[in-house]
Amino acid sequence: MSKHFEHMAASAALPVALAPSPPARVRASVDARHDDLVRRVRGEYLEMPGLSLTLGQAQRLWNLQRAECACLLGDLVDAGFLACTSLGTFVRADTGRAGA
């Protein structure tokens, strides 16, 4: 075994310190922001039943980072409020357009 691999194997056996979890108030703040965004997005889709947005369009409309927007839309799909069409657009699940 080469010295490089010996060193890697030895260091792999060392315990890894876990990053501390954020304080409860930070988690609560993040959860509150997420809940506010969920209400906002649900409101937009309820006001405009025909709304059909791609991930990129949703990002721009709500001024969100891609990962945050994807998580938000994914949560609404998981909740059964939105559906993702075969074209990659997000529509209300109850509009009958989910198969479009």
N, C-alpha and C. Protein backbone atom coordinates (compact mmCIF):
# COMPACT_ATOMS: atom_id res chain seq x y z
N MET A 1 0.86 -1.17 0.00
CA MET A 1 0.00 0.00 0.00
C MET A 1 0.90 1.23 0.00
N SER A 2 0.59 2.22 -0.84
CA SER A 2 1.42 3.42 -0.91
C SER A 2 1.23 4.28 0.33
N LYS A 3 2.20 5.15 0.56
CA LYS A 3 2.12 6.06 1.72
C LYS A 3 0.85 6.91 1.65
N HIS A 4 0.47 7.33 0.45
CA HIS A 4 -0.72 8.16 0.27
C HIS A 4 -1.97 7.42 0.74
N PHE A 5 -2.11 6.17 0.31
CA PHE A 5 -3.28 5.40 0.68
C PHE A 5 -3.27 5.03 2.16
N GLU A 6 -2.06 4.78 2.72
CA GLU A 6 -1.96 4.49 4.15
C GLU A 6 -2.45 5.68 4.96
N HIS A 7 -2.03 6.87 4.54
CA HIS A 7 -2.44 8.09 5.24
C HIS A 7 -3.96 8.29 5.14
N MET A 8 -4.52 8.04 3.97
CA MET A 8 -5.97 8.19 3.79
C MET A 8 -6.73 7.19 4.65
N ALA A 9 -6.24 5.96 4.69
CA ALA A 9 -6.92 4.94 5.49
C ALA A 9 -6.85 5.27 6.97
N ALA A 10 -5.69 5.76 7.41
CA ALA A 10 -5.53 6.12 8.82
C ALA A 10 -6.42 7.30 9.19
N SER A 11 -6.48 8.29 8.31
CA SER A 11 -7.29 9.47 8.62
C SER A 11 -8.78 9.15 8.54
N ALA A 12 -9.15 8.16 7.75
CA ALA A 12 -10.56 7.78 7.64
C ALA A 12 -11.06 7.15 8.93
N ALA A 13 -10.13 6.59 9.71
CA ALA A 13 -10.53 5.93 10.94
C ALA A 13 -10.74 6.92 12.08
N LEU A 14 -10.31 8.17 11.90
CA LEU A 14 -10.47 9.17 12.94
C LEU A 14 -11.92 9.60 13.04
N PRO A 15 -12.41 9.85 14.24
CA PRO A 15 -13.79 10.31 14.35
C PRO A 15 -13.96 11.69 13.73
N VAL A 16 -15.10 11.91 13.14
CA VAL A 16 -15.39 13.19 12.48
C VAL A 16 -16.33 13.98 13.39
N ALA A 17 -15.95 15.21 13.65
CA ALA A 17 -16.80 16.08 14.48
C ALA A 17 -17.99 16.53 13.64
N LEU A 18 -19.15 16.41 14.19
CA LEU A 18 -20.35 16.86 13.49
C LEU A 18 -20.53 18.36 13.70
N ALA A 19 -21.00 19.01 12.66
CA ALA A 19 -21.27 20.45 12.78
C ALA A 19 -22.41 20.65 13.76
N PRO A 20 -22.29 21.64 14.61
CA PRO A 20 -23.37 21.88 15.56
C PRO A 20 -24.64 22.30 14.82
N SER A 21 -25.77 21.87 15.33
CA SER A 21 -27.02 22.27 14.69
C SER A 21 -27.29 23.73 15.04
N PRO A 22 -27.98 24.43 14.14
CA PRO A 22 -28.24 25.84 14.41
C PRO A 22 -29.13 26.01 15.64
N PRO A 23 -29.02 27.15 16.28
CA PRO A 23 -29.86 27.41 17.45
C PRO A 23 -31.34 27.33 17.07
N ALA A 24 -32.16 27.05 18.06
CA ALA A 24 -33.60 26.89 17.82
C ALA A 24 -34.22 28.13 17.19
N ARG A 25 -33.76 29.31 17.59
CA ARG A 25 -34.36 30.53 17.03
C ARG A 25 -34.04 30.68 15.55
N VAL A 26 -32.86 30.18 15.12
CA VAL A 26 -32.51 30.24 13.70
C VAL A 26 -33.38 29.27 12.92
N ARG A 27 -33.55 28.05 13.45
CA ARG A 27 -34.42 27.07 12.79
C ARG A 27 -35.85 27.60 12.71
N ALA A 28 -36.32 28.22 13.78
CA ALA A 28 -37.68 28.77 13.80
C ALA A 28 -37.83 29.86 12.75
N SER A 29 -36.80 30.68 12.59
CA SER A 29 -36.82 31.75 11.61
C SER A 29 -36.87 31.19 10.19
N VAL A 30 -36.08 30.14 9.94
CA VAL A 30 -36.07 29.50 8.63
C VAL A 30 -37.42 28.86 8.36
N ASP A 31 -37.97 28.17 9.36
CA ASP A 31 -39.28 27.54 9.21
C ASP A 31 -40.37 28.58 8.96
N ALA A 32 -40.31 29.70 9.66
CA ALA A 32 -41.30 30.76 9.48
C ALA A 32 -41.21 31.33 8.07
N ARG A 33 -39.99 31.53 7.57
CA ARG A 33 -39.81 32.05 6.20
C ARG A 33 -40.39 31.05 5.20
N HIS A 34 -40.10 29.78 5.39
CA HIS A 34 -40.60 28.74 4.48
C HIS A 34 -42.14 28.73 4.51
N ASP A 35 -42.72 28.81 5.69
CA ASP A 35 -44.18 28.82 5.81
C ASP A 35 -44.78 30.04 5.11
N ASP A 36 -44.12 31.19 5.25
CA ASP A 36 -44.60 32.40 4.57
C ASP A 36 -44.55 32.22 3.06
N LEU A 37 -43.46 31.62 2.57
CA LEU A 37 -43.33 31.40 1.13
C LEU A 37 -44.37 30.41 0.63
N VAL A 38 -44.63 29.36 1.40
CA VAL A 38 -45.67 28.39 1.01
C VAL A 38 -47.01 29.10 0.89
N ARG A 39 -47.35 29.94 1.87
CA ARG A 39 -48.63 30.68 1.81
C ARG A 39 -48.67 31.60 0.60
N ARG A 40 -47.56 32.25 0.32
CA ARG A 40 -47.51 33.18 -0.82
C ARG A 40 -47.71 32.44 -2.14
N VAL A 41 -47.00 31.33 -2.32
CA VAL A 41 -47.09 30.57 -3.57
C VAL A 41 -48.49 29.97 -3.71
N ARG A 42 -49.02 29.40 -2.63
CA ARG A 42 -50.39 28.86 -2.68
C ARG A 42 -51.38 29.96 -3.07
N GLY A 43 -51.19 31.15 -2.50
CA GLY A 43 -52.07 32.28 -2.82
C GLY A 43 -52.01 32.65 -4.28
N GLU A 44 -50.81 32.66 -4.85
CA GLU A 44 -50.66 32.99 -6.28
C GLU A 44 -51.39 31.96 -7.14
N TYR A 45 -51.21 30.69 -6.82
CA TYR A 45 -51.86 29.64 -7.60
C TYR A 45 -53.38 29.64 -7.41
N LEU A 46 -53.85 30.02 -6.22
CA LEU A 46 -55.29 30.09 -5.99
C LEU A 46 -55.91 31.27 -6.74
N GLU A 47 -55.19 32.39 -6.80
CA GLU A 47 -55.69 33.57 -7.51
C GLU A 47 -55.69 33.37 -9.02
N MET A 48 -54.75 32.56 -9.51
CA MET A 48 -54.61 32.32 -10.95
C MET A 48 -54.61 30.82 -11.20
N PRO A 49 -55.77 30.19 -11.26
CA PRO A 49 -55.84 28.73 -11.39
C PRO A 49 -55.10 28.16 -12.59
N GLY A 50 -54.94 28.93 -13.63
CA GLY A 50 -54.24 28.45 -14.83
C GLY A 50 -52.74 28.67 -14.80
N LEU A 51 -52.22 29.16 -13.68
CA LEU A 51 -50.80 29.45 -13.58
C LEU A 51 -49.97 28.19 -13.83
N SER A 52 -48.99 28.30 -14.71
CA SER A 52 -48.12 27.19 -15.07
C SER A 52 -46.70 27.75 -15.18
N LEU A 53 -45.85 27.38 -14.25
CA LEU A 53 -44.50 27.94 -14.20
C LEU A 53 -43.42 26.87 -14.21
N THR A 54 -42.34 27.15 -14.91
CA THR A 54 -41.15 26.30 -14.80
C THR A 54 -40.42 26.70 -13.53
N LEU A 55 -39.45 25.91 -13.14
CA LEU A 55 -38.65 26.24 -11.96
C LEU A 55 -37.99 27.61 -12.13
N GLY A 56 -37.44 27.86 -13.29
CA GLY A 56 -36.77 29.15 -13.55
C GLY A 56 -37.73 30.33 -13.47
N GLN A 57 -38.92 30.16 -14.01
CA GLN A 57 -39.92 31.23 -13.95
C GLN A 57 -40.35 31.49 -12.51
N ALA A 58 -40.54 30.41 -11.74
CA ALA A 58 -40.92 30.56 -10.34
C ALA A 58 -39.82 31.26 -9.55
N GLN A 59 -38.58 30.91 -9.83
CA GLN A 59 -37.45 31.57 -9.17
C GLN A 59 -37.49 33.07 -9.38
N ARG A 60 -37.68 33.47 -10.63
CA ARG A 60 -37.70 34.90 -10.94
C ARG A 60 -38.93 35.59 -10.35
N LEU A 61 -40.08 34.94 -10.43
CA LEU A 61 -41.31 35.54 -9.93
C LEU A 61 -41.23 35.82 -8.43
N TRP A 62 -40.67 34.87 -7.67
CA TRP A 62 -40.63 35.01 -6.22
C TRP A 62 -39.25 35.37 -5.69
N ASN A 63 -38.32 35.67 -6.62
CA ASN A 63 -36.97 36.12 -6.25
C ASN A 63 -36.30 35.16 -5.26
N LEU A 64 -36.23 33.88 -5.65
CA LEU A 64 -35.65 32.85 -4.79
C LEU A 64 -34.42 32.23 -5.44
N GLN A 65 -33.56 31.68 -4.60
CA GLN A 65 -32.44 30.89 -5.11
C GLN A 65 -33.01 29.59 -5.66
N ARG A 66 -32.32 28.98 -6.61
CA ARG A 66 -32.82 27.78 -7.28
C ARG A 66 -33.14 26.65 -6.28
N ALA A 67 -32.21 26.37 -5.36
CA ALA A 67 -32.42 25.27 -4.41
C ALA A 67 -33.62 25.54 -3.50
N GLU A 68 -33.76 26.77 -3.04
CA GLU A 68 -34.88 27.12 -2.17
C GLU A 68 -36.20 26.99 -2.92
N CYS A 69 -36.22 27.43 -4.17
CA CYS A 69 -37.43 27.37 -4.98
C CYS A 69 -37.78 25.91 -5.28
N ALA A 70 -36.79 25.11 -5.62
CA ALA A 70 -37.04 23.70 -5.90
C ALA A 70 -37.60 22.99 -4.67
N CYS A 71 -37.06 23.31 -3.50
CA CYS A 71 -37.55 22.72 -2.25
C CYS A 71 -38.99 23.14 -2.00
N LEU A 72 -39.28 24.40 -2.19
CA LEU A 72 -40.62 24.94 -1.96
C LEU A 72 -41.63 24.28 -2.89
N LEU A 73 -41.32 24.23 -4.17
CA LEU A 73 -42.24 23.62 -5.13
C LEU A 73 -42.38 22.12 -4.86
N GLY A 74 -41.28 21.48 -4.51
CA GLY A 74 -41.32 20.06 -4.17
C GLY A 74 -42.21 19.78 -2.98
N ASP A 75 -42.14 20.65 -1.97
CA ASP A 75 -43.01 20.49 -0.80
C ASP A 75 -44.48 20.61 -1.19
N LEU A 76 -44.78 21.53 -2.09
CA LEU A 76 -46.17 21.72 -2.53
C LEU A 76 -46.65 20.56 -3.41
N VAL A 77 -45.73 19.96 -4.15
CA VAL A 77 -46.07 18.75 -4.92
C VAL A 77 -46.33 17.60 -3.95
N ASP A 78 -45.44 17.44 -2.97
CA ASP A 78 -45.59 16.38 -1.96
C ASP A 78 -46.90 16.52 -1.19
N ALA A 79 -47.32 17.76 -0.97
CA ALA A 79 -48.56 18.02 -0.23
C ALA A 79 -49.79 17.80 -1.10
N GLY A 80 -49.59 17.60 -2.40
CA GLY A 80 -50.72 17.38 -3.30
C GLY A 80 -51.36 18.65 -3.82
N PHE A 81 -50.76 19.80 -3.51
CA PHE A 81 -51.33 21.07 -3.99
C PHE A 81 -50.90 21.36 -5.42
N LEU A 82 -49.63 21.08 -5.75
CA LEU A 82 -49.12 21.28 -7.10
C LEU A 82 -48.79 19.94 -7.74
N ALA A 83 -48.70 19.96 -9.05
CA ALA A 83 -48.23 18.81 -9.82
C ALA A 83 -47.20 19.31 -10.81
N CYS A 84 -46.24 18.48 -11.14
CA CYS A 84 -45.25 18.82 -12.15
C CYS A 84 -45.63 18.09 -13.43
N THR A 85 -45.82 18.84 -14.50
CA THR A 85 -46.24 18.25 -15.77
C THR A 85 -45.05 17.58 -16.45
N SER A 86 -45.35 16.84 -17.51
CA SER A 86 -44.29 16.20 -18.29
C SER A 86 -43.39 17.22 -18.98
N LEU A 87 -43.87 18.45 -19.09
CA LEU A 87 -43.06 19.53 -19.68
C LEU A 87 -42.21 20.25 -18.63
N GLY A 88 -42.36 19.83 -17.36
CA GLY A 88 -41.56 20.44 -16.29
C GLY A 88 -42.16 21.71 -15.72
N THR A 89 -43.45 21.93 -15.97
CA THR A 89 -44.09 23.10 -15.38
C THR A 89 -44.89 22.69 -14.16
N PHE A 90 -45.03 23.62 -13.24
CA PHE A 90 -45.77 23.38 -12.01
C PHE A 90 -47.14 24.02 -12.12
N VAL A 91 -48.16 23.21 -11.94
CA VAL A 91 -49.56 23.64 -12.04
C VAL A 91 -50.29 23.16 -10.80
N ARG A 92 -51.46 23.76 -10.55
CA ARG A 92 -52.30 23.26 -9.45
C ARG A 92 -52.71 21.83 -9.77
N ALA A 93 -52.63 20.98 -8.77
CA ALA A 93 -52.94 19.56 -8.96
C ALA A 93 -54.41 19.34 -9.30
N ASP A 94 -55.29 20.22 -8.86
CA ASP A 94 -56.72 20.01 -9.07
C ASP A 94 -57.25 20.63 -10.36
N THR A 95 -56.38 21.09 -11.24
CA THR A 95 -56.85 21.72 -12.48
C THR A 95 -57.02 20.74 -13.61
N GLY A 96 -56.51 19.51 -13.45
CA GLY A 96 -56.61 18.53 -14.54
C GLY A 96 -55.55 18.73 -15.60
N ARG A 97 -54.62 19.65 -15.39
CA ARG A 97 -53.58 19.93 -16.38
C ARG A 97 -52.27 19.23 -16.03
N ALA A 98 -52.25 18.44 -14.98
CA ALA A 98 -51.00 17.81 -14.52
C ALA A 98 -50.43 16.86 -15.56
N GLY A 99 -51.26 16.28 -16.41
CA GLY A 99 -50.75 15.37 -17.44
C GLY A 99 -50.27 16.06 -18.69
N ALA A 100 -50.39 17.39 -18.74
CA ALA A 100 -50.03 18.14 -19.96
C ALA A 100 -48.56 18.08 -20.25
